[in-house]
N, C-alpha and C. Protein backbone atom coordinates (compact mmCIF):
# COMPACT_ATOMS: atom_id res chain seq x y z
N MET A 1 15.34 4.33 -11.10
CA MET A 1 15.25 4.06 -9.10
C MET A 1 13.59 3.88 -9.13
N THR A 2 13.46 2.95 -8.39
CA THR A 2 12.19 2.88 -7.95
C THR A 2 11.71 3.96 -6.92
N THR A 3 10.59 4.59 -7.13
CA THR A 3 9.83 5.74 -6.36
C THR A 3 9.50 5.01 -4.82
N LEU A 4 9.17 3.71 -4.84
CA LEU A 4 8.41 3.14 -3.51
C LEU A 4 9.85 2.72 -2.43
N SER A 5 9.51 2.92 -1.18
CA SER A 5 10.31 2.99 -0.27
C SER A 5 10.34 1.34 0.35
N THR A 6 11.36 0.76 0.30
CA THR A 6 11.52 -0.82 0.68
C THR A 6 11.88 -1.25 2.03
N PRO A 7 10.77 -1.67 2.58
CA PRO A 7 10.84 -1.85 3.90
C PRO A 7 11.72 -2.99 4.27
N THR A 8 11.80 -3.39 5.58
CA THR A 8 12.91 -4.23 6.11
C THR A 8 12.19 -5.46 5.52
N ALA A 9 10.72 -5.78 5.46
CA ALA A 9 9.90 -6.86 5.99
C ALA A 9 8.75 -6.63 4.69
N PRO A 10 8.21 -7.65 3.95
CA PRO A 10 7.31 -6.83 3.13
C PRO A 10 6.13 -6.70 3.68
N ILE A 11 5.27 -5.94 3.22
CA ILE A 11 3.77 -5.80 3.64
C ILE A 11 2.87 -6.79 3.12
N ARG A 12 2.21 -7.30 4.75
CA ARG A 12 1.42 -8.31 4.39
C ARG A 12 -0.08 -7.91 4.22
N LEU A 13 -0.49 -8.30 3.19
CA LEU A 13 -1.63 -8.09 2.53
C LEU A 13 -2.66 -9.31 2.51
N LEU A 14 -4.08 -9.09 3.01
CA LEU A 14 -5.07 -9.95 3.16
C LEU A 14 -5.87 -9.58 2.11
N LEU A 15 -6.57 -10.31 1.05
CA LEU A 15 -7.46 -9.78 0.28
C LEU A 15 -8.77 -10.45 0.42
N VAL A 16 -9.80 -9.68 0.53
CA VAL A 16 -11.09 -9.86 0.72
C VAL A 16 -12.18 -9.35 -0.61
N ASP A 17 -12.61 -10.45 -1.35
CA ASP A 17 -13.58 -10.16 -2.66
C ASP A 17 -14.26 -11.65 -2.41
N ASP A 18 -15.61 -11.17 -3.12
CA ASP A 18 -16.50 -12.40 -3.10
C ASP A 18 -16.35 -13.05 -4.46
N SER A 19 -15.76 -12.45 -5.43
CA SER A 19 -15.19 -13.23 -6.79
C SER A 19 -13.51 -14.11 -6.68
N GLU A 20 -13.71 -15.21 -7.03
CA GLU A 20 -12.31 -16.06 -7.06
C GLU A 20 -11.63 -15.37 -8.03
N VAL A 21 -12.26 -15.15 -9.37
CA VAL A 21 -11.65 -14.59 -10.28
C VAL A 21 -10.90 -13.29 -10.15
N VAL A 22 -11.26 -12.52 -9.29
CA VAL A 22 -11.18 -11.05 -8.96
C VAL A 22 -9.95 -11.54 -8.09
N ARG A 23 -9.94 -12.36 -7.13
CA ARG A 23 -8.97 -12.63 -5.98
C ARG A 23 -7.69 -13.31 -6.75
N MET A 24 -7.78 -14.25 -7.94
CA MET A 24 -6.80 -14.57 -8.73
C MET A 24 -5.92 -13.56 -9.54
N GLY A 25 -6.83 -12.52 -9.96
CA GLY A 25 -6.43 -11.48 -10.55
C GLY A 25 -5.33 -10.95 -9.75
N LEU A 26 -5.65 -10.42 -8.18
CA LEU A 26 -4.96 -9.49 -7.70
C LEU A 26 -3.91 -10.49 -7.06
N ARG A 27 -3.93 -11.60 -7.10
CA ARG A 27 -2.70 -12.53 -6.63
C ARG A 27 -1.66 -12.60 -7.73
N ALA A 28 -2.07 -12.40 -9.04
CA ALA A 28 -1.54 -12.65 -10.26
C ALA A 28 -0.47 -10.99 -10.21
N LEU A 29 -1.54 -10.05 -10.14
CA LEU A 29 -0.88 -8.84 -10.19
C LEU A 29 0.13 -8.52 -9.06
N LEU A 30 -0.24 -9.02 -7.55
CA LEU A 30 0.56 -8.43 -6.78
C LEU A 30 1.84 -9.53 -6.27
N GLY A 31 1.61 -10.53 -6.83
CA GLY A 31 2.06 -12.05 -6.24
C GLY A 31 4.18 -11.72 -6.60
N THR A 32 4.28 -10.95 -7.57
CA THR A 32 5.34 -10.90 -8.06
C THR A 32 6.16 -9.30 -7.61
N ASP A 33 5.64 -9.06 -6.93
CA ASP A 33 6.18 -7.87 -6.32
C ASP A 33 6.86 -8.31 -4.82
N ARG A 34 8.00 -8.01 -4.58
CA ARG A 34 8.74 -8.60 -3.38
C ARG A 34 8.74 -7.87 -2.09
N THR A 35 7.98 -6.53 -2.37
CA THR A 35 7.72 -5.72 -1.33
C THR A 35 6.22 -5.84 -0.62
N ILE A 36 5.15 -6.82 -1.29
CA ILE A 36 4.10 -7.50 -0.69
C ILE A 36 4.20 -8.62 -0.82
N GLN A 37 3.46 -9.28 0.39
CA GLN A 37 3.18 -10.56 0.48
C GLN A 37 1.84 -10.97 0.97
N ILE A 38 1.10 -11.46 -0.03
CA ILE A 38 -0.24 -11.89 0.33
C ILE A 38 -0.25 -13.32 1.16
N VAL A 39 -0.88 -12.76 2.43
CA VAL A 39 -1.11 -13.84 3.50
C VAL A 39 -2.15 -14.71 3.69
N GLY A 40 -3.04 -14.18 3.05
CA GLY A 40 -4.35 -14.84 2.81
C GLY A 40 -5.43 -14.18 2.26
N GLU A 41 -6.94 -15.01 1.95
CA GLU A 41 -7.76 -14.54 1.06
C GLU A 41 -9.18 -14.91 1.92
N ALA A 42 -10.18 -14.09 1.62
CA ALA A 42 -11.62 -14.37 1.94
C ALA A 42 -12.50 -13.89 1.13
N GLY A 43 -13.58 -14.86 0.83
CA GLY A 43 -14.89 -14.30 0.00
C GLY A 43 -16.15 -14.13 0.84
N ASN A 44 -15.94 -13.79 2.14
CA ASN A 44 -17.47 -13.37 2.69
C ASN A 44 -16.91 -12.41 3.96
N VAL A 45 -17.65 -11.87 4.98
CA VAL A 45 -17.72 -11.30 5.79
C VAL A 45 -17.10 -11.82 6.52
N THR A 46 -17.77 -13.29 7.20
CA THR A 46 -17.42 -14.21 8.39
C THR A 46 -15.79 -14.87 8.39
N THR A 47 -15.49 -15.05 7.31
CA THR A 47 -14.09 -15.59 6.83
C THR A 47 -13.09 -14.82 7.33
N ALA A 48 -13.45 -13.27 6.24
CA ALA A 48 -12.71 -12.02 6.58
C ALA A 48 -12.44 -12.03 7.86
N ILE A 49 -13.50 -11.91 8.64
CA ILE A 49 -13.07 -11.37 10.00
C ILE A 49 -12.10 -12.61 10.92
N GLU A 50 -12.54 -13.63 10.60
CA GLU A 50 -12.08 -14.63 11.21
C GLU A 50 -10.42 -14.62 10.81
N THR A 51 -10.32 -14.63 9.48
CA THR A 51 -9.04 -14.53 8.80
C THR A 51 -8.15 -13.70 9.38
N CYS A 52 -8.49 -12.26 9.27
CA CYS A 52 -7.90 -11.07 9.99
C CYS A 52 -7.63 -11.12 11.34
N VAL A 53 -8.19 -11.62 11.83
CA VAL A 53 -7.78 -11.64 13.31
C VAL A 53 -6.76 -12.92 13.87
N ARG A 54 -7.14 -13.93 13.04
CA ARG A 54 -5.83 -14.94 13.12
C ARG A 54 -4.49 -14.29 12.44
N LEU A 55 -4.63 -13.73 11.29
CA LEU A 55 -3.43 -13.47 10.87
C LEU A 55 -2.84 -12.02 10.96
N LYS A 56 -3.45 -11.25 11.15
CA LYS A 56 -2.85 -9.57 11.71
C LYS A 56 -2.03 -9.44 10.47
N PRO A 57 -2.86 -9.30 9.21
CA PRO A 57 -2.03 -8.46 8.05
C PRO A 57 -1.42 -7.22 8.43
N ASP A 58 -1.06 -6.44 7.82
CA ASP A 58 -0.79 -5.03 8.18
C ASP A 58 -1.85 -4.30 7.02
N VAL A 59 -2.36 -4.69 6.15
CA VAL A 59 -3.29 -4.24 5.27
C VAL A 59 -4.21 -5.18 4.78
N ALA A 60 -5.36 -4.78 4.73
CA ALA A 60 -6.66 -5.48 4.25
C ALA A 60 -7.14 -4.62 2.92
N LEU A 61 -7.34 -5.60 1.61
CA LEU A 61 -8.07 -5.12 0.56
C LEU A 61 -9.35 -5.39 0.59
N LEU A 62 -10.30 -4.72 0.53
CA LEU A 62 -11.62 -5.25 0.81
C LEU A 62 -12.60 -4.59 -0.20
N ASP A 63 -13.37 -5.27 -0.70
CA ASP A 63 -14.49 -5.26 -1.77
C ASP A 63 -15.82 -5.00 -0.51
N ILE A 64 -16.63 -3.79 -1.45
CA ILE A 64 -18.03 -3.75 -0.67
C ILE A 64 -19.19 -4.55 -0.45
N ARG A 65 -19.16 -5.00 -1.74
CA ARG A 65 -20.13 -6.28 -1.92
C ARG A 65 -19.79 -7.51 -1.58
N LEU A 66 -20.55 -8.40 -0.32
CA LEU A 66 -19.97 -9.53 0.16
C LEU A 66 -21.23 -10.52 0.24
N PRO A 67 -21.15 -11.61 0.00
CA PRO A 67 -22.42 -12.72 0.14
C PRO A 67 -23.29 -12.41 1.42
N ASP A 68 -22.58 -12.19 2.73
CA ASP A 68 -22.90 -11.98 3.99
C ASP A 68 -22.89 -10.55 4.85
N GLY A 69 -22.72 -9.55 3.77
CA GLY A 69 -22.83 -8.32 4.41
C GLY A 69 -21.82 -7.39 3.25
N THR A 70 -21.23 -6.41 4.23
CA THR A 70 -20.46 -5.58 3.20
C THR A 70 -18.81 -5.48 3.62
N GLY A 71 -17.80 -4.80 2.98
CA GLY A 71 -16.29 -4.44 3.41
C GLY A 71 -16.40 -3.68 4.52
N PHE A 72 -17.49 -2.66 4.68
CA PHE A 72 -17.61 -1.87 6.00
C PHE A 72 -17.91 -2.67 7.28
N ASP A 73 -18.76 -3.80 6.98
CA ASP A 73 -19.17 -4.58 8.40
C ASP A 73 -17.42 -5.14 8.58
N VAL A 74 -16.85 -5.44 7.94
CA VAL A 74 -15.55 -6.14 8.13
C VAL A 74 -14.79 -5.15 8.71
N CYS A 75 -14.50 -4.09 7.94
CA CYS A 75 -13.86 -2.90 8.33
C CYS A 75 -14.20 -2.70 10.06
N ARG A 76 -15.46 -2.35 10.07
CA ARG A 76 -15.45 -1.89 11.62
C ARG A 76 -15.26 -2.98 12.56
N ALA A 77 -15.36 -4.23 12.11
CA ALA A 77 -15.26 -5.59 13.10
C ALA A 77 -13.55 -5.55 13.55
N VAL A 78 -12.81 -5.78 12.39
CA VAL A 78 -11.41 -5.80 12.60
C VAL A 78 -10.79 -4.79 13.38
N LEU A 79 -11.19 -3.94 13.02
CA LEU A 79 -10.43 -2.58 13.59
C LEU A 79 -10.37 -2.26 14.90
N GLN A 80 -11.49 -2.96 15.40
CA GLN A 80 -11.76 -3.16 16.89
C GLN A 80 -10.86 -4.02 17.84
N THR A 81 -10.37 -4.90 16.91
CA THR A 81 -9.50 -6.11 17.27
C THR A 81 -7.90 -6.36 17.11
N VAL A 82 -7.80 -5.86 15.62
CA VAL A 82 -6.31 -5.46 14.80
C VAL A 82 -6.04 -3.92 14.87
N THR A 83 -5.89 -3.74 15.89
CA THR A 83 -6.04 -1.81 15.98
C THR A 83 -4.70 -1.48 14.75
N ASP A 84 -3.46 -1.72 14.62
CA ASP A 84 -2.66 -1.70 13.56
C ASP A 84 -2.82 -1.83 12.06
N LEU A 85 -4.25 -2.65 12.02
CA LEU A 85 -4.55 -2.95 10.30
C LEU A 85 -4.51 -1.65 9.88
N ARG A 86 -4.36 -1.61 8.41
CA ARG A 86 -4.65 -0.45 7.79
C ARG A 86 -5.65 -0.53 6.85
N VAL A 87 -6.72 -0.41 6.20
CA VAL A 87 -7.68 -0.70 5.02
C VAL A 87 -7.94 -0.26 4.36
N ILE A 88 -8.12 -0.59 3.13
CA ILE A 88 -8.38 -0.29 1.47
C ILE A 88 -9.59 -0.62 0.94
N ILE A 89 -10.40 -0.16 0.77
CA ILE A 89 -11.89 -0.52 0.10
C ILE A 89 -11.41 -0.55 -1.33
N LEU A 90 -11.60 -1.74 -2.02
CA LEU A 90 -11.27 -1.66 -3.41
C LEU A 90 -12.58 -2.00 -4.48
N THR A 91 -13.42 -0.94 -4.95
CA THR A 91 -14.53 -1.52 -5.44
C THR A 91 -14.41 -0.79 -6.94
N SER A 92 -15.86 -1.39 -7.21
CA SER A 92 -16.43 -0.65 -8.82
C SER A 92 -16.70 0.46 -8.74
N VAL A 93 -17.32 1.11 -7.69
CA VAL A 93 -18.50 1.94 -7.46
C VAL A 93 -17.62 3.42 -6.86
N ALA A 94 -18.06 4.37 -7.97
CA ALA A 94 -17.37 5.60 -7.26
C ALA A 94 -18.90 6.52 -6.96
N ASP A 95 -19.07 6.35 -5.43
CA ASP A 95 -20.16 7.10 -4.81
C ASP A 95 -20.20 7.73 -3.82
N GLU A 96 -20.17 8.98 -3.67
CA GLU A 96 -19.93 9.97 -2.53
C GLU A 96 -20.59 9.00 -1.00
N THR A 97 -21.84 8.44 -1.44
CA THR A 97 -22.22 8.13 -0.06
C THR A 97 -21.38 6.94 0.46
N LEU A 98 -20.76 6.00 -0.77
CA LEU A 98 -20.20 4.92 -0.19
C LEU A 98 -19.01 5.24 0.60
N VAL A 99 -18.51 6.34 -0.38
CA VAL A 99 -17.16 7.08 0.31
C VAL A 99 -17.15 7.43 1.82
N ASP A 100 -18.34 8.32 2.23
CA ASP A 100 -18.70 8.91 3.41
C ASP A 100 -19.11 7.36 4.42
N GLU A 101 -19.47 6.12 3.92
CA GLU A 101 -19.65 5.30 4.92
C GLU A 101 -18.22 4.77 4.86
N ALA A 102 -17.53 4.33 3.94
CA ALA A 102 -16.36 3.39 4.01
C ALA A 102 -15.30 4.97 5.22
N ILE A 103 -15.13 5.94 5.11
CA ILE A 103 -14.74 6.81 5.99
C ILE A 103 -15.53 6.72 7.78
N ARG A 104 -16.55 6.54 7.47
CA ARG A 104 -17.17 6.41 8.83
C ARG A 104 -16.63 4.76 9.48
N ALA A 105 -16.53 4.05 8.48
CA ALA A 105 -16.63 2.34 8.92
C ALA A 105 -14.76 2.54 9.56
N GLY A 106 -13.96 3.62 9.18
CA GLY A 106 -12.60 3.40 9.43
C GLY A 106 -11.55 3.28 8.42
N ALA A 107 -11.98 3.09 7.07
CA ALA A 107 -11.07 2.98 6.31
C ALA A 107 -10.09 3.52 5.91
N HIS A 108 -8.96 3.58 5.33
CA HIS A 108 -7.87 4.59 5.29
C HIS A 108 -7.67 4.67 3.55
N GLY A 109 -8.25 4.12 2.82
CA GLY A 109 -8.21 4.11 1.36
C GLY A 109 -9.42 3.84 0.75
N TYR A 110 -9.57 4.63 -0.59
CA TYR A 110 -10.98 3.96 -1.43
C TYR A 110 -10.47 3.96 -2.71
N LEU A 111 -10.42 3.14 -3.43
CA LEU A 111 -9.97 2.97 -4.34
C LEU A 111 -10.84 2.31 -5.54
N LEU A 112 -10.99 2.48 -7.17
CA LEU A 112 -12.00 1.74 -7.89
C LEU A 112 -10.89 0.63 -8.59
N LYS A 113 -11.53 -0.05 -8.86
CA LYS A 113 -10.86 -1.47 -9.65
C LYS A 113 -10.47 -1.11 -10.55
N GLU A 114 -10.59 -0.01 -11.43
CA GLU A 114 -9.86 0.28 -12.63
C GLU A 114 -8.70 0.80 -12.41
N ILE A 115 -7.93 0.99 -10.87
CA ILE A 115 -6.30 1.43 -10.94
C ILE A 115 -5.58 0.47 -11.49
N ASP A 116 -4.57 0.98 -12.12
CA ASP A 116 -3.58 0.14 -13.07
C ASP A 116 -2.81 -0.57 -11.56
N GLY A 117 -1.76 -1.53 -11.94
CA GLY A 117 -1.30 -2.43 -11.00
C GLY A 117 -0.14 -1.58 -10.52
N ARG A 118 0.46 -0.72 -11.16
CA ARG A 118 1.67 0.52 -10.40
C ARG A 118 0.93 1.25 -9.22
N GLY A 119 -0.09 1.62 -9.71
CA GLY A 119 -1.13 2.68 -8.79
C GLY A 119 -1.60 1.63 -7.55
N LEU A 120 -1.94 0.56 -7.51
CA LEU A 120 -2.38 -0.28 -6.66
C LEU A 120 -1.10 -0.65 -5.54
N VAL A 121 -0.17 -1.23 -6.07
CA VAL A 121 1.22 -1.10 -5.23
C VAL A 121 1.59 -0.04 -4.63
N GLN A 122 1.43 1.02 -5.03
CA GLN A 122 2.06 2.35 -4.37
C GLN A 122 0.97 2.77 -3.36
N ALA A 123 -0.46 2.68 -3.96
CA ALA A 123 -1.47 2.77 -2.86
C ALA A 123 -1.07 2.36 -1.56
N ILE A 124 -0.94 0.54 -1.78
CA ILE A 124 -0.71 -0.44 -0.57
C ILE A 124 0.43 0.24 0.08
N HIS A 125 1.42 0.72 -0.35
CA HIS A 125 2.45 1.47 0.38
C HIS A 125 2.58 2.56 0.93
N ASP A 126 1.48 3.10 0.57
CA ASP A 126 1.38 4.50 0.80
C ASP A 126 0.44 4.27 2.21
N VAL A 127 -0.61 3.60 1.81
CA VAL A 127 -1.74 3.38 3.16
C VAL A 127 -0.85 2.59 4.48
N ALA A 128 0.10 1.45 4.06
CA ALA A 128 0.85 1.01 4.97
C ALA A 128 1.62 2.11 5.87
N GLN A 129 2.41 2.91 5.00
CA GLN A 129 3.34 3.93 5.66
C GLN A 129 1.95 5.28 6.43
N GLY A 130 1.15 5.01 6.66
CA GLY A 130 0.18 5.79 7.40
C GLY A 130 -0.60 7.14 6.70
N LYS A 131 -0.35 7.04 5.21
CA LYS A 131 -1.30 8.12 4.57
C LYS A 131 -2.93 7.56 4.33
N SER A 132 -3.48 8.20 4.08
CA SER A 132 -4.91 8.15 3.60
C SER A 132 -4.95 8.57 1.90
N ILE A 133 -5.77 7.36 1.17
CA ILE A 133 -5.83 7.72 0.06
C ILE A 133 -7.23 7.81 -0.69
N LEU A 134 -7.72 8.50 -1.45
CA LEU A 134 -8.78 8.54 -2.12
C LEU A 134 -8.79 8.47 -3.85
N ASP A 135 -9.25 7.41 -4.48
CA ASP A 135 -8.86 7.33 -5.91
C ASP A 135 -9.39 8.78 -6.48
N PRO A 136 -8.47 9.23 -7.81
CA PRO A 136 -8.53 10.70 -8.20
C PRO A 136 -10.21 10.50 -8.66
N ALA A 137 -10.48 9.64 -9.14
CA ALA A 137 -11.98 9.63 -9.80
C ALA A 137 -13.04 9.94 -8.87
N VAL A 138 -12.68 9.32 -7.72
CA VAL A 138 -13.79 9.51 -6.53
C VAL A 138 -13.43 10.70 -6.11
N THR A 139 -12.46 11.39 -5.99
CA THR A 139 -11.94 12.89 -5.35
C THR A 139 -12.76 13.62 -6.36
N ALA A 140 -12.74 13.54 -7.59
CA ALA A 140 -13.34 14.53 -8.69
C ALA A 140 -14.76 14.31 -8.59
N ARG A 141 -15.51 13.29 -8.39
CA ARG A 141 -16.79 13.12 -8.16
C ARG A 141 -17.55 13.87 -6.68
N VAL A 142 -16.85 13.45 -5.83
CA VAL A 142 -16.93 14.10 -4.46
C VAL A 142 -16.70 15.54 -4.71
N MET A 143 -15.87 16.44 -5.08
CA MET A 143 -15.22 17.87 -5.15
C MET A 143 -16.55 18.34 -6.16
N GLN A 144 -17.23 17.60 -7.13
CA GLN A 144 -18.03 18.10 -8.06
C GLN A 144 -19.54 18.50 -7.21
N LEU A 145 -19.69 17.59 -6.08
CA LEU A 145 -20.74 17.78 -5.36
C LEU A 145 -20.35 18.48 -4.19
N VAL A 146 -19.00 19.00 -3.77
CA VAL A 146 -18.90 20.08 -3.29
C VAL A 146 -19.07 21.53 -3.66
N LYS A 147 -18.44 21.35 -4.81
CA LYS A 147 -18.75 22.73 -5.66
C LYS A 147 -19.80 23.08 -6.03
N SER A 148 -21.03 22.21 -6.05
CA SER A 148 -22.52 22.38 -6.49
C SER A 148 -23.05 23.49 -5.17
N GLY A 149 -22.31 23.87 -4.22
CA GLY A 149 -22.80 24.79 -3.34
C GLY A 149 -23.09 26.23 -3.75
N ALA A 150 -23.02 26.28 -4.83
CA ALA A 150 -23.39 27.87 -5.38
C ALA A 150 -22.60 28.85 -4.89
N GLY A 151 -21.55 28.44 -5.10
CA GLY A 151 -20.42 29.29 -5.04
C GLY A 151 -19.66 30.07 -3.42
N THR A 152 -20.27 28.89 -2.71
CA THR A 152 -20.29 29.39 -0.97
C THR A 152 -18.60 29.04 -0.55
N GLU A 153 -18.16 29.73 0.53
CA GLU A 153 -16.65 29.48 0.11
C GLU A 153 -16.38 28.23 1.04
N LYS A 154 -15.22 27.47 0.51
CA LYS A 154 -15.28 25.97 1.18
C LYS A 154 -13.87 26.16 1.26
N SER A 155 -13.08 26.88 2.60
CA SER A 155 -11.59 26.85 2.68
C SER A 155 -11.12 26.58 3.94
N LEU A 156 -10.39 25.52 4.17
CA LEU A 156 -9.72 25.46 5.50
C LEU A 156 -9.37 26.52 6.35
N ALA A 157 -9.02 27.74 5.81
CA ALA A 157 -8.60 29.04 6.54
C ALA A 157 -9.93 29.38 7.23
N LEU A 158 -11.12 29.28 7.40
CA LEU A 158 -12.46 29.44 8.05
C LEU A 158 -12.29 28.50 9.13
N LEU A 159 -11.23 27.29 9.23
CA LEU A 159 -11.62 26.85 10.53
C LEU A 159 -10.19 26.95 11.81
N SER A 160 -10.79 27.07 12.88
CA SER A 160 -9.85 26.95 14.08
C SER A 160 -9.06 25.90 13.82
N PRO A 161 -8.05 26.45 14.97
CA PRO A 161 -6.74 25.07 14.69
C PRO A 161 -7.16 24.02 15.20
N GLN A 162 -8.04 23.83 16.19
CA GLN A 162 -8.91 22.83 17.05
C GLN A 162 -9.85 22.15 16.10
N GLU A 163 -10.58 22.73 15.23
CA GLU A 163 -11.43 22.31 14.03
C GLU A 163 -10.66 21.35 12.99
N LYS A 164 -9.59 22.06 12.87
CA LYS A 164 -8.56 21.70 11.52
C LYS A 164 -8.27 20.34 12.19
N ARG A 165 -7.53 20.12 13.36
CA ARG A 165 -7.31 19.00 13.97
C ARG A 165 -8.21 17.93 14.20
N VAL A 166 -9.39 18.08 14.35
CA VAL A 166 -10.40 17.04 14.39
C VAL A 166 -11.14 16.80 12.94
N LEU A 167 -10.76 17.59 11.53
CA LEU A 167 -10.90 17.24 10.18
C LEU A 167 -9.96 16.73 9.84
N ALA A 168 -8.46 17.11 10.37
CA ALA A 168 -7.50 15.80 9.68
C ALA A 168 -7.81 14.30 10.32
N LEU A 169 -8.14 14.36 11.59
CA LEU A 169 -8.33 12.97 12.01
C LEU A 169 -9.46 12.44 11.54
N ILE A 170 -10.55 13.15 11.37
CA ILE A 170 -11.67 12.61 10.43
C ILE A 170 -11.54 11.88 9.43
N SER A 171 -10.44 12.78 8.38
CA SER A 171 -9.81 12.33 7.25
C SER A 171 -9.02 11.13 7.06
N GLU A 172 -8.42 10.97 8.10
CA GLU A 172 -7.64 9.45 8.17
C GLU A 172 -8.65 8.42 8.56
N GLY A 173 -9.70 8.77 8.69
CA GLY A 173 -10.76 7.46 9.05
C GLY A 173 -11.12 7.27 10.66
N CYS A 174 -10.71 8.50 11.30
CA CYS A 174 -10.89 8.08 12.78
C CYS A 174 -12.78 8.18 13.04
N THR A 175 -13.05 7.51 13.69
CA THR A 175 -14.50 7.76 14.66
C THR A 175 -14.36 8.92 15.50
N ASN A 176 -15.56 9.56 15.76
CA ASN A 176 -15.86 10.59 16.47
C ASN A 176 -15.02 10.11 18.19
N LYS A 177 -15.34 8.50 18.55
CA LYS A 177 -14.73 8.33 19.87
C LYS A 177 -13.10 8.40 19.57
N GLU A 178 -12.76 7.85 18.27
CA GLU A 178 -11.14 7.74 18.36
C GLU A 178 -10.70 9.27 18.08
N VAL A 179 -11.27 10.14 17.71
CA VAL A 179 -10.52 11.74 17.81
C VAL A 179 -11.05 12.15 18.87
N ALA A 180 -11.94 11.66 19.66
CA ALA A 180 -12.11 12.25 21.32
C ALA A 180 -10.64 11.74 22.14
N ALA A 181 -10.19 10.77 21.88
CA ALA A 181 -9.57 10.05 22.74
C ALA A 181 -7.98 10.64 22.18
N ARG A 182 -7.98 10.81 20.81
CA ARG A 182 -6.54 11.47 20.55
C ARG A 182 -6.52 12.53 20.87
N LEU A 183 -7.56 13.54 20.98
CA LEU A 183 -7.27 14.91 21.39
C LEU A 183 -7.75 15.59 22.88
N GLY A 184 -7.95 14.49 23.59
CA GLY A 184 -8.37 14.85 24.95
C GLY A 184 -9.75 15.19 25.30
N LEU A 185 -10.81 15.11 23.99
CA LEU A 185 -12.01 15.78 24.36
C LEU A 185 -13.19 14.62 24.56
N SER A 186 -14.20 15.12 24.73
CA SER A 186 -15.60 14.28 25.00
C SER A 186 -16.05 13.98 23.73
N ASP A 187 -16.88 13.02 23.55
CA ASP A 187 -17.43 12.50 22.20
C ASP A 187 -18.48 13.80 21.79
N LYS A 188 -19.19 14.20 22.79
CA LYS A 188 -20.05 15.37 22.31
C LYS A 188 -19.49 16.45 21.83
N THR A 189 -17.86 17.04 22.55
CA THR A 189 -17.51 17.94 22.07
C THR A 189 -16.90 17.84 20.61
N VAL A 190 -16.61 16.51 20.22
CA VAL A 190 -16.20 16.00 18.97
C VAL A 190 -16.97 16.47 18.04
N LYS A 191 -18.46 15.83 18.26
CA LYS A 191 -19.47 16.10 17.46
C LYS A 191 -19.85 17.52 17.15
N ASN A 192 -19.59 18.31 18.30
CA ASN A 192 -20.01 19.70 18.08
C ASN A 192 -18.91 20.37 17.16
N TYR A 193 -17.76 19.92 17.40
CA TYR A 193 -16.68 20.63 16.69
C TYR A 193 -16.89 20.15 14.79
N LEU A 194 -17.45 19.02 14.73
CA LEU A 194 -17.86 18.68 13.47
C LEU A 194 -19.07 19.11 12.84
N SER A 195 -19.81 19.65 13.74
CA SER A 195 -20.91 20.10 13.18
C SER A 195 -20.73 21.37 12.56
N THR A 196 -19.62 22.38 13.33
CA THR A 196 -19.40 23.44 13.07
C THR A 196 -18.28 23.49 11.95
N VAL A 197 -17.69 22.50 11.84
CA VAL A 197 -16.58 22.09 10.38
C VAL A 197 -17.56 22.20 9.23
N PHE A 198 -18.71 21.07 9.16
CA PHE A 198 -19.42 21.09 8.09
C PHE A 198 -20.25 22.56 8.02
N GLU A 199 -20.73 23.24 8.94
CA GLU A 199 -21.44 24.43 8.57
C GLU A 199 -20.42 25.45 8.08
N LYS A 200 -19.24 25.65 8.49
CA LYS A 200 -17.99 26.40 8.13
C LYS A 200 -18.00 26.23 6.42
N LEU A 201 -17.89 24.58 6.26
CA LEU A 201 -17.26 24.35 4.63
C LEU A 201 -18.58 23.78 3.84
N HIS A 202 -20.03 24.12 4.60
CA HIS A 202 -21.09 24.22 3.53
C HIS A 202 -21.13 22.82 2.79
N VAL A 203 -20.91 22.01 3.75
CA VAL A 203 -21.26 20.36 3.36
C VAL A 203 -21.92 19.56 4.51
N SER A 204 -22.36 18.36 4.24
CA SER A 204 -23.28 17.85 4.97
C SER A 204 -22.71 16.26 5.16
N ARG A 205 -21.50 15.65 4.69
CA ARG A 205 -20.89 14.51 4.66
C ARG A 205 -19.60 14.42 5.24
N ARG A 206 -18.94 13.55 5.91
CA ARG A 206 -17.78 13.39 6.11
C ARG A 206 -16.91 13.48 4.79
N ALA A 207 -17.06 12.50 3.67
CA ALA A 207 -16.72 12.36 2.83
C ALA A 207 -16.21 13.77 1.77
N GLU A 208 -17.14 14.27 1.69
CA GLU A 208 -16.87 15.61 1.49
C GLU A 208 -16.04 16.79 2.02
N ALA A 209 -16.03 16.71 3.37
CA ALA A 209 -14.93 17.33 4.32
C ALA A 209 -13.51 16.75 4.06
N ALA A 210 -13.55 15.43 3.93
CA ALA A 210 -12.39 15.17 3.83
C ALA A 210 -11.76 15.62 2.48
N VAL A 211 -12.48 15.47 1.54
CA VAL A 211 -12.15 15.77 -0.06
C VAL A 211 -11.36 17.25 0.17
N ILE A 212 -12.45 18.02 0.76
CA ILE A 212 -11.36 19.65 0.88
C ILE A 212 -10.29 19.44 1.72
N TYR A 213 -10.32 19.03 2.69
CA TYR A 213 -9.29 18.70 3.60
C TYR A 213 -7.84 18.10 2.81
N ALA A 214 -8.07 17.17 1.37
CA ALA A 214 -6.98 16.49 1.24
C ALA A 214 -6.69 17.41 0.30
N GLN A 215 -7.85 18.37 -0.83
CA GLN A 215 -7.33 19.46 -1.64
C GLN A 215 -6.43 20.33 -1.18
N GLN A 216 -6.70 20.86 0.14
CA GLN A 216 -6.29 22.18 0.50
C GLN A 216 -5.17 21.75 1.38
N LYS A 217 -4.95 20.73 2.24
CA LYS A 217 -3.84 20.89 3.08
C LYS A 217 -2.35 21.11 2.57
N LYS A 218 -1.52 21.85 3.21
CA LYS A 218 -0.22 22.09 2.82
C LYS A 218 0.58 20.87 3.16
């Protein structure tokens, strides 16, 4: 019995990678899965944005390094227009700074290219269903950074209910402005809440706070 929930229609996926070989490999890997339909592909930022706006896929799989910019540029641009789009960064780099930038850009997932086919299919389904995901290797790396805080307590129990709500939305990839709209707050209030969250958890980046939330949420 498969663990995947089969939707009434396949998940419409856009592939964005500057390497044609990588795109061909992803097509071969995912093309046999009936729950996923690859509707298009692009090899640079300009084409990716145009294709995404035109085709309106459910999920976009983005590489970070592109000839005319980054996958983060694509993410920021298309999410302003294709509001229902879910974005997964697929890269070979496990770096907490890039994870932080991915979260700021609004990405809903960050995966390493070492992931196996089954894991990638499951991740695409999870993100399409509204979940946010981080590659286990990325989580481990960021947690190592988090734990380097000399034994300071990093517990969600330290946060107020509203601070937890703010952190939950940040962990989903929401910007401060989006969090403000969702919770009926001002941008400045959200920024203040986030500063308090960082201070209480003894972190300095969204990626670190997001990983703590993912590790400790019930």
